């Protein structure tokens, strides 16, 4: 039982780190959204997203993670960033 509690504490720390990283990512994508607004650029960039999916898949494989999981997480983050860019632009 002590081992289970220890693993759960480790998972809690990892979750805290993930939340901090996601928050940092969204702060930066907010800045990207402002740049896109100021330069009248589209909220989404399909080519950049495609490149990111390839890069994330490769990183996942190197880390021993199922690339599909990594792509699903990245897709969620990208979709939310694009929604935020649309809000910033007033779309």
Protein backbone atom coordinates (compact mmCIF):
# COMPACT_ATOMS: atom_id res chain seq x y z
CA UNK A 1 0.00 0.00 0.00
CA UNK A 2 2.90 2.36 0.71
CA UNK A 3 4.18 1.79 -2.82
CA UNK A 4 0.78 2.77 -4.23
CA UNK A 5 0.74 5.98 -2.17
CA UNK A 6 4.26 6.80 -3.31
CA UNK A 7 3.36 6.28 -6.96
CA UNK A 8 0.27 8.44 -6.57
CA UNK A 9 2.37 11.23 -5.04
CA UNK A 10 4.70 11.00 -8.03
CA UNK A 11 1.74 11.18 -10.38
CA UNK A 12 0.44 14.24 -8.52
CA UNK A 13 3.79 15.99 -9.00
CA UNK A 14 3.82 15.08 -12.68
CA UNK A 15 0.26 16.44 -13.04
CA UNK A 16 1.33 19.71 -11.40
CA UNK A 17 4.23 20.00 -13.83
CA UNK A 18 1.97 19.25 -16.79
CA UNK A 19 -0.50 21.94 -15.74
CA UNK A 20 2.31 24.48 -15.35
CA UNK A 21 3.67 23.59 -18.81
CA UNK A 22 0.23 23.79 -20.41
CA UNK A 23 -0.36 27.19 -18.80
CA UNK A 24 3.01 28.39 -20.10
CA UNK A 25 2.18 27.05 -23.56
CA UNK A 26 -1.12 28.96 -23.56
CA UNK A 27 0.58 32.17 -22.44
CA UNK A 28 2.90 31.86 -25.44
CA UNK A 29 0.13 30.90 -27.87
CA UNK A 30 -1.72 33.99 -26.62
CA UNK A 31 1.25 36.08 -27.71
CA UNK A 32 1.22 34.27 -31.05
CA UNK A 33 -2.48 35.10 -31.38
CA UNK A 34 -1.77 38.78 -30.77
CA UNK A 35 0.96 38.76 -33.44
CA UNK A 36 -1.44 37.05 -35.85
CA UNK A 37 -4.07 39.71 -35.11
CA UNK A 38 -1.60 42.57 -35.56
CA UNK A 39 -0.40 41.14 -38.87
CA UNK A 40 -3.82 40.02 -40.13
CA UNK A 41 -2.74 36.37 -40.27
CA UNK A 42 -5.16 33.43 -40.10
CA UNK A 43 -5.83 31.88 -36.70
CA UNK A 44 -4.73 28.45 -37.86
CA UNK A 45 -1.77 27.29 -39.92
CA UNK A 46 -2.47 23.80 -41.29
CA UNK A 47 1.09 23.31 -42.55
CA UNK A 48 2.57 24.20 -39.15
CA UNK A 49 0.06 21.86 -37.48
CA UNK A 50 1.04 19.03 -39.85
CA UNK A 51 4.72 19.58 -39.08
CA UNK A 52 3.98 19.63 -35.36
CA UNK A 53 2.06 16.35 -35.57
CA UNK A 54 4.99 14.71 -37.32
CA UNK A 55 7.45 16.11 -34.79
CA UNK A 56 5.31 15.07 -31.82
CA UNK A 57 4.85 11.57 -33.24
CA UNK A 58 8.60 11.20 -33.59
CA UNK A 59 9.23 12.49 -30.07
CA UNK A 60 6.60 10.10 -28.70
CA UNK A 61 8.22 7.11 -30.39
CA UNK A 62 11.62 8.08 -29.01
CA UNK A 63 10.10 8.34 -25.53
CA UNK A 64 8.25 5.03 -25.71
CA UNK A 65 4.82 6.68 -25.86
CA UNK A 66 2.12 5.65 -28.30
CA UNK A 67 2.21 8.42 -30.95
CA UNK A 68 -1.59 8.38 -31.15
CA UNK A 69 -1.79 9.53 -27.52
CA UNK A 70 0.68 12.32 -28.20
CA UNK A 71 -1.22 13.41 -31.33
CA UNK A 72 -4.53 13.48 -29.43
CA UNK A 73 -3.04 15.67 -26.71
CA UNK A 74 -1.41 17.99 -29.23
CA UNK A 75 -4.63 18.18 -31.28
CA UNK A 76 -6.52 19.30 -28.17
CA UNK A 77 -3.89 21.94 -27.38
CA UNK A 78 -3.81 23.23 -30.96
CA UNK A 79 -7.60 23.37 -31.22
CA UNK A 80 -7.83 25.38 -28.01
CA UNK A 81 -5.03 27.72 -29.14
CA UNK A 82 -6.83 28.36 -32.44
CA UNK A 83 -10.08 29.07 -30.57
CA UNK A 84 -8.16 31.53 -28.42
CA UNK A 85 -6.63 33.14 -31.51
CA UNK A 86 -10.13 33.58 -32.93
CA UNK A 87 -11.23 35.26 -29.68
CA UNK A 88 -8.20 37.57 -29.76
CA UNK A 89 -8.98 38.53 -33.35
CA UNK A 90 -12.64 39.04 -32.51
CA UNK A 91 -13.81 36.34 -34.97
